[in-house]
Amino acid sequence: MHSIQDQDPDALSQLYDRYNGILKALILRVIHNEAEADDLLQEIFMEIWNQARNFSAQKGKPLGWMVTLARRRAIDGLRKKQAYARAEQRLQSETEQQPDAWVHNATEEEIALSDTRFLIRKVINGLPPAQQQAIDLAFFRGMSQREIAAKTNTPLGTVKTRLELGLKKIYDGLKELKDEL
């Protein structure tokens, strides 16, 4: 430990070779994950290197100091992992309880489409009822002009005129969105 305190890298290498198995076994008993144990072991030896000046032979042996350091770090790692798991669980629980609008952010495109639909619906609702019906049957129900005439018991020429007038009114009502549509 005195050599490590004097910043001798060979001393750290010897210490690692001698005690890495013991410290890793201790870490694994706490966190139960091989990859995390390897990472934590490296961090502990870096901490031993950086904190060697805090070691005092009067207070105990180097192995006791390293075991205490490793145990504390392993427990801290476990607590951190558990805290993340609890936070993730809370987040999942909270998002399941929130309205869709809070959970799913609407994109700018979705907002624009919503605004466009609202404006189109407003313009269509402003049409006379007969034109509204013709537009609805033709464009939203996919009926031909002949099918509309038969369904509404209206002459074919009248259906054509209603559609033409309705579309013209819709076009005029949507001029402000002409570039977007």
C-alpha atoms as a PDB file:
ATOM      1  CA  MET A   1       0.000   0.000   0.000  1.00  0.00           C
ATOM      2  CA  HIS A   2       2.910   2.324   0.660  1.00  0.00           C
ATOM      3  CA  SER A   3       4.099   1.802  -2.929  1.00  0.00           C
ATOM      4  CA  ILE A   4       0.605   2.556  -4.241  1.00  0.00           C
ATOM      5  CA  GLN A   5       0.544   5.685  -2.083  1.00  0.00           C
ATOM      6  CA  ASP A   6       3.805   6.607  -3.814  1.00  0.00           C
ATOM      7  CA  GLN A   7       1.988   6.184  -7.183  1.00  0.00           C
ATOM      8  CA  ASP A   8       3.819   2.982  -8.232  1.00  0.00           C
ATOM      9  CA  PRO A   9       1.713   1.359 -11.002  1.00  0.00           C
ATOM     10  CA  ASP A  10       3.459  -2.015 -10.550  1.00  0.00           C
ATOM     11  CA  ALA A  11       2.262  -2.114  -6.954  1.00  0.00           C
ATOM     12  CA  LEU A  12      -1.331  -1.598  -8.088  1.00  0.00           C
ATOM     13  CA  SER A  13      -0.899  -4.362 -10.655  1.00  0.00           C
ATOM     14  CA  GLN A  14       0.385  -6.741  -7.950  1.00  0.00           C
ATOM     15  CA  LEU A  15      -2.463  -5.773  -5.644  1.00  0.00           C
ATOM     16  CA  TYR A  16      -4.959  -6.411  -8.440  1.00  0.00           C
ATOM     17  CA  ASP A  17      -3.480  -9.815  -9.255  1.00  0.00           C
ATOM     18  CA  ARG A  18      -3.554 -10.822  -5.600  1.00  0.00           C
ATOM     19  CA  TYR A  19      -7.033  -9.585  -4.590  1.00  0.00           C
ATOM     20  CA  ASN A  20      -9.260  -9.173  -7.669  1.00  0.00           C
ATOM     21  CA  GLY A  21     -10.815 -12.639  -7.213  1.00  0.00           C
ATOM     22  CA  ILE A  22     -11.775 -12.005  -3.594  1.00  0.00           C
ATOM     23  CA  LEU A  23     -13.203  -8.561  -4.318  1.00  0.00           C
ATOM     24  CA  LYS A  24     -15.115  -9.737  -7.394  1.00  0.00           C
ATOM     25  CA  ALA A  25     -16.666 -12.603  -5.424  1.00  0.00           C
ATOM     26  CA  LEU A  26     -17.772 -10.099  -2.774  1.00  0.00           C
ATOM     27  CA  ILE A  27     -19.267  -7.794  -5.408  1.00  0.00           C
ATOM     28  CA  LEU A  28     -21.097 -10.668  -7.114  1.00  0.00           C
ATOM     29  CA  ARG A  29     -22.706 -11.671  -3.805  1.00  0.00           C
ATOM     30  CA  VAL A  30     -24.283  -8.209  -3.705  1.00  0.00           C
ATOM     31  CA  ILE A  31     -25.194  -7.374  -7.312  1.00  0.00           C
ATOM     32  CA  HIS A  32     -25.479 -10.803  -9.039  1.00  0.00           C
ATOM     33  CA  ASN A  33     -24.394  -9.567 -12.464  1.00  0.00           C
ATOM     34  CA  GLU A  34     -21.044 -10.567 -13.985  1.00  0.00           C
ATOM     35  CA  ALA A  35     -20.659  -7.601 -16.355  1.00  0.00           C
ATOM     36  CA  GLU A  36     -21.630  -5.075 -13.692  1.00  0.00           C
ATOM     37  CA  ALA A  37     -19.278  -6.778 -11.234  1.00  0.00           C
ATOM     38  CA  ASP A  38     -16.367  -6.451 -13.682  1.00  0.00           C
ATOM     39  CA  ASP A  39     -17.118  -2.765 -14.212  1.00  0.00           C
ATOM     40  CA  LEU A  40     -17.426  -2.133 -10.510  1.00  0.00           C
ATOM     41  CA  LEU A  41     -14.177  -4.030  -9.805  1.00  0.00           C
ATOM     42  CA  GLN A  42     -12.324  -1.735 -12.207  1.00  0.00           C
ATOM     43  CA  GLU A  43     -13.866   1.313 -10.552  1.00  0.00           C
ATOM     44  CA  ILE A  44     -12.864   0.031  -7.123  1.00  0.00           C
ATOM     45  CA  PHE A  45      -9.230  -0.435  -8.134  1.00  0.00           C
ATOM     46  CA  MET A  46      -9.259   3.061  -9.624  1.00  0.00           C
ATOM     47  CA  GLU A  47     -10.623   4.322  -6.333  1.00  0.00           C
ATOM     48  CA  ILE A  48      -7.935   2.404  -4.432  1.00  0.00           C
ATOM     49  CA  TRP A  49      -5.323   4.109  -6.621  1.00  0.00           C
ATOM     50  CA  ASN A  50      -6.892   7.553  -6.148  1.00  0.00           C
ATOM     51  CA  GLN A  51      -7.697   7.170  -2.435  1.00  0.00           C
ATOM     52  CA  ALA A  52      -4.571   5.280  -1.315  1.00  0.00           C
ATOM     53  CA  ARG A  53      -3.440   8.287   0.733  1.00  0.00           C
ATOM     54  CA  ASN A  54      -6.536   7.741   2.945  1.00  0.00           C
ATOM     55  CA  PHE A  55      -5.344   4.263   3.927  1.00  0.00           C
ATOM     56  CA  SER A  56      -3.719   4.024   7.324  1.00  0.00           C
ATOM     57  CA  ALA A  57      -1.900   0.863   8.465  1.00  0.00           C
ATOM     58  CA  GLN A  58      -2.696   1.844  12.074  1.00  0.00           C
ATOM     59  CA  LYS A  59      -6.426   1.458  11.352  1.00  0.00           C
ATOM     60  CA  GLY A  60      -6.241  -1.964   9.728  1.00  0.00           C
ATOM     61  CA  LYS A  61      -4.900  -4.170   6.999  1.00  0.00           C
ATOM     62  CA  PRO A  62      -5.126  -3.283   3.283  1.00  0.00           C
ATOM     63  CA  LEU A  63      -7.492  -6.185   2.536  1.00  0.00           C
ATOM     64  CA  GLY A  64      -9.967  -5.007   5.193  1.00  0.00           C
ATOM     65  CA  TRP A  65      -9.903  -1.490   3.747  1.00  0.00           C
ATOM     66  CA  MET A  66     -10.397  -2.800   0.193  1.00  0.00           C
ATOM     67  CA  VAL A  67     -13.210  -5.176   1.245  1.00  0.00           C
ATOM     68  CA  THR A  68     -15.004  -2.310   3.005  1.00  0.00           C
ATOM     69  CA  LEU A  69     -14.547  -0.104  -0.049  1.00  0.00           C
ATOM     70  CA  ALA A  70     -15.773  -2.855  -2.425  1.00  0.00           C
ATOM     71  CA  ARG A  71     -18.768  -3.703  -0.233  1.00  0.00           C
ATOM     72  CA  ARG A  72     -19.852  -0.067   0.007  1.00  0.00           C
ATOM     73  CA  ARG A  73     -19.497   0.470  -3.731  1.00  0.00           C
ATOM     74  CA  ALA A  74     -21.404  -2.760  -4.502  1.00  0.00           C
ATOM     75  CA  ILE A  75     -24.237  -1.783  -2.173  1.00  0.00           C
ATOM     76  CA  ASP A  76     -24.320   1.719  -3.679  1.00  0.00           C
ATOM     77  CA  GLY A  77     -24.466   0.162  -7.164  1.00  0.00           C
ATOM     78  CA  LEU A  78     -27.322  -2.111  -6.120  1.00  0.00           C
ATOM     79  CA  ARG A  79     -29.259   0.770  -4.563  1.00  0.00           C
ATOM     80  CA  LYS A  80     -28.750   2.855  -7.691  1.00  0.00           C
ATOM     81  CA  LYS A  81     -29.998   0.015  -9.885  1.00  0.00           C
ATOM     82  CA  GLN A  82     -33.039  -0.492  -7.647  1.00  0.00           C
ATOM     83  CA  ALA A  83     -33.773   3.249  -7.648  1.00  0.00           C
ATOM     84  CA  TYR A  84     -33.696   3.269 -11.453  1.00  0.00           C
ATOM     85  CA  ALA A  85     -36.033   0.267 -11.546  1.00  0.00           C
ATOM     86  CA  ARG A  86     -38.474   1.962  -9.151  1.00  0.00           C
ATOM     87  CA  ALA A  87     -38.355   5.210 -11.130  1.00  0.00           C
ATOM     88  CA  GLU A  88     -38.980   3.325 -14.365  1.00  0.00           C
ATOM     89  CA  GLN A  89     -41.903   1.495 -12.770  1.00  0.00           C
ATOM     90  CA  ARG A  90     -43.377   4.792 -11.483  1.00  0.00           C
ATOM     91  CA  LEU A  91     -42.994   6.372 -14.900  1.00  0.00           C
ATOM     92  CA  GLN A  92     -44.701   3.417 -16.559  1.00  0.00           C
ATOM     93  CA  SER A  93     -47.520   3.523 -14.010  1.00  0.00           C
ATOM     94  CA  GLU A  94     -47.980   7.276 -14.380  1.00  0.00           C
ATOM     95  CA  THR A  95     -48.028   7.203 -18.169  1.00  0.00           C
ATOM     96  CA  GLU A  96     -50.634   4.439 -18.132  1.00  0.00           C
ATOM     97  CA  GLN A  97     -52.868   6.679 -16.026  1.00  0.00           C
ATOM     98  CA  GLN A  98     -52.412   9.842 -18.103  1.00  0.00           C
ATOM     99  CA  PRO A  99     -54.646  10.928 -20.969  1.00  0.00           C
ATOM    100  CA  ASP A 100     -53.348  10.064 -24.420  1.00  0.00           C
ATOM    101  CA  ALA A 101     -52.692  13.711 -25.209  1.00  0.00           C
ATOM    102  CA  TRP A 102     -50.154  13.882 -22.349  1.00  0.00           C
ATOM    103  CA  VAL A 103     -48.422  10.660 -23.285  1.00  0.00           C
ATOM    104  CA  HIS A 104     -48.308  10.955 -27.066  1.00  0.00           C
ATOM    105  CA  ASN A 105     -47.059  14.286 -28.312  1.00  0.00           C
ATOM    106  CA  ALA A 106     -48.845  15.429 -31.419  1.00  0.00           C
ATOM    107  CA  THR A 107     -46.516  16.299 -34.227  1.00  0.00           C
ATOM    108  CA  GLU A 108     -46.766  19.550 -36.093  1.00  0.00           C
ATOM    109  CA  GLU A 109     -48.127  17.634 -39.094  1.00  0.00           C
ATOM    110  CA  GLU A 110     -50.867  16.003 -36.994  1.00  0.00           C
ATOM    111  CA  ILE A 111     -51.842  19.390 -35.613  1.00  0.00           C
ATOM    112  CA  ALA A 112     -51.970  20.897 -39.101  1.00  0.00           C
ATOM    113  CA  LEU A 113     -54.093  17.972 -40.356  1.00  0.00           C
ATOM    114  CA  SER A 114     -56.413  18.402 -37.400  1.00  0.00           C
ATOM    115  CA  ASP A 115     -56.759  22.117 -38.145  1.00  0.00           C
ATOM    116  CA  THR A 116     -57.383  21.352 -41.826  1.00  0.00           C
ATOM    117  CA  ARG A 117     -60.050  18.759 -40.988  1.00  0.00           C
ATOM    118  CA  PHE A 118     -61.728  21.228 -38.640  1.00  0.00           C
ATOM    119  CA  LEU A 119     -61.796  23.937 -41.309  1.00  0.00           C
ATOM    120  CA  ILE A 120     -63.050  21.544 -44.000  1.00  0.00           C
ATOM    121  CA  ARG A 121     -65.784  20.280 -41.665  1.00  0.00           C
ATOM    122  CA  LYS A 122     -66.749  23.883 -40.852  1.00  0.00           C
ATOM    123  CA  VAL A 123     -66.997  24.789 -44.546  1.00  0.00           C
ATOM    124  CA  ILE A 124     -69.025  21.652 -45.352  1.00  0.00           C
ATOM    125  CA  ASN A 125     -71.376  22.323 -42.430  1.00  0.00           C
ATOM    126  CA  GLY A 126     -71.983  25.794 -43.896  1.00  0.00           C
ATOM    127  CA  LEU A 127     -73.357  24.313 -47.133  1.00  0.00           C
ATOM    128  CA  PRO A 128     -77.092  23.970 -47.726  1.00  0.00           C
ATOM    129  CA  PRO A 129     -78.348  20.579 -46.465  1.00  0.00           C
ATOM    130  CA  ALA A 130     -78.926  19.155 -49.968  1.00  0.00           C
ATOM    131  CA  GLN A 131     -75.329  19.989 -51.012  1.00  0.00           C
ATOM    132  CA  GLN A 132     -73.971  18.617 -47.731  1.00  0.00           C
ATOM    133  CA  GLN A 133     -75.787  15.347 -48.366  1.00  0.00           C
ATOM    134  CA  ALA A 134     -74.488  15.085 -51.943  1.00  0.00           C
ATOM    135  CA  ILE A 135     -70.895  15.810 -50.861  1.00  0.00           C
ATOM    136  CA  ASP A 136     -71.149  13.328 -47.993  1.00  0.00           C
ATOM    137  CA  LEU A 137     -72.516  10.543 -50.193  1.00  0.00           C
ATOM    138  CA  ALA A 138     -70.013  11.167 -53.001  1.00  0.00           C
ATOM    139  CA  PHE A 139     -66.782  11.790 -51.136  1.00  0.00           C
ATOM    140  CA  PHE A 140     -67.197  10.173 -47.751  1.00  0.00           C
ATOM    141  CA  ARG A 141     -69.319   7.185 -48.737  1.00  0.00           C
ATOM    142  CA  GLY A 142     -67.875   6.677 -52.230  1.00  0.00           C
ATOM    143  CA  MET A 143     -71.168   6.700 -54.122  1.00  0.00           C
ATOM    144  CA  SER A 144     -71.422   7.612 -57.795  1.00  0.00           C
ATOM    145  CA  GLN A 145     -73.677  10.414 -59.008  1.00  0.00           C
ATOM    146  CA  ARG A 146     -76.206   7.846 -60.307  1.00  0.00           C
ATOM    147  CA  GLU A 147     -76.202   6.014 -56.950  1.00  0.00           C
ATOM    148  CA  ILE A 148     -76.796   9.322 -55.138  1.00  0.00           C
ATOM    149  CA  ALA A 149     -79.681  10.155 -57.474  1.00  0.00           C
ATOM    150  CA  ALA A 150     -81.251   6.737 -56.848  1.00  0.00           C
ATOM    151  CA  LYS A 151     -80.720   6.851 -53.082  1.00  0.00           C
ATOM    152  CA  THR A 152     -82.070  10.394 -52.627  1.00  0.00           C
ATOM    153  CA  ASN A 153     -84.783  10.070 -55.303  1.00  0.00           C
ATOM    154  CA  THR A 154     -83.352  13.179 -56.978  1.00  0.00           C
ATOM    155  CA  PRO A 155     -82.866  13.786 -60.722  1.00  0.00           C
ATOM    156  CA  LEU A 156     -79.288  13.082 -61.893  1.00  0.00           C
ATOM    157  CA  GLY A 157     -78.854  16.655 -63.199  1.00  0.00           C
ATOM    158  CA  THR A 158     -79.814  18.052 -59.795  1.00  0.00           C
ATOM    159  CA  VAL A 159     -77.275  15.785 -58.056  1.00  0.00           C
ATOM    160  CA  LYS A 160     -74.565  16.977 -60.484  1.00  0.00           C
ATOM    161  CA  THR A 161     -75.483  20.618 -59.864  1.00  0.00           C
ATOM    162  CA  ARG A 162     -75.494  20.157 -56.067  1.00  0.00           C
ATOM    163  CA  LEU A 163     -72.062  18.528 -56.185  1.00  0.00           C
ATOM    164  CA  GLU A 164     -70.673  21.222 -58.471  1.00  0.00           C
ATOM    165  CA  LEU A 165     -72.040  24.082 -56.352  1.00  0.00           C
ATOM    166  CA  GLY A 166     -70.977  22.379 -53.116  1.00  0.00           C
ATOM    167  CA  LEU A 167     -67.430  21.817 -54.357  1.00  0.00           C
ATOM    168  CA  LYS A 168     -67.176  25.412 -55.545  1.00  0.00           C
ATOM    169  CA  LYS A 169     -68.294  26.681 -52.120  1.00  0.00           C
ATOM    170  CA  ILE A 170     -65.810  24.363 -50.412  1.00  0.00           C
ATOM    171  CA  TYR A 171     -63.050  25.579 -52.733  1.00  0.00           C
ATOM    172  CA  ASP A 172     -63.889  29.220 -52.011  1.00  0.00           C
ATOM    173  CA  GLY A 173     -64.077  28.535 -48.270  1.00  0.00           C
ATOM    174  CA  LEU A 174     -60.675  26.881 -48.261  1.00  0.00           C
ATOM    175  CA  LYS A 175     -58.746  29.425 -50.321  1.00  0.00           C
ATOM    176  CA  GLU A 176     -56.683  30.327 -47.276  1.00  0.00           C
ATOM    177  CA  LEU A 177     -55.428  26.706 -47.136  1.00  0.00           C
ATOM    178  CA  LYS A 178     -54.960  26.382 -50.881  1.00  0.00           C
ATOM    179  CA  ASP A 179     -51.158  25.948 -50.631  1.00  0.00           C
ATOM    180  CA  GLU A 180     -51.429  23.354 -47.858  1.00  0.00           C
ATOM    181  CA  LEU A 181     -54.124  21.301 -49.559  1.00  0.00           C
END
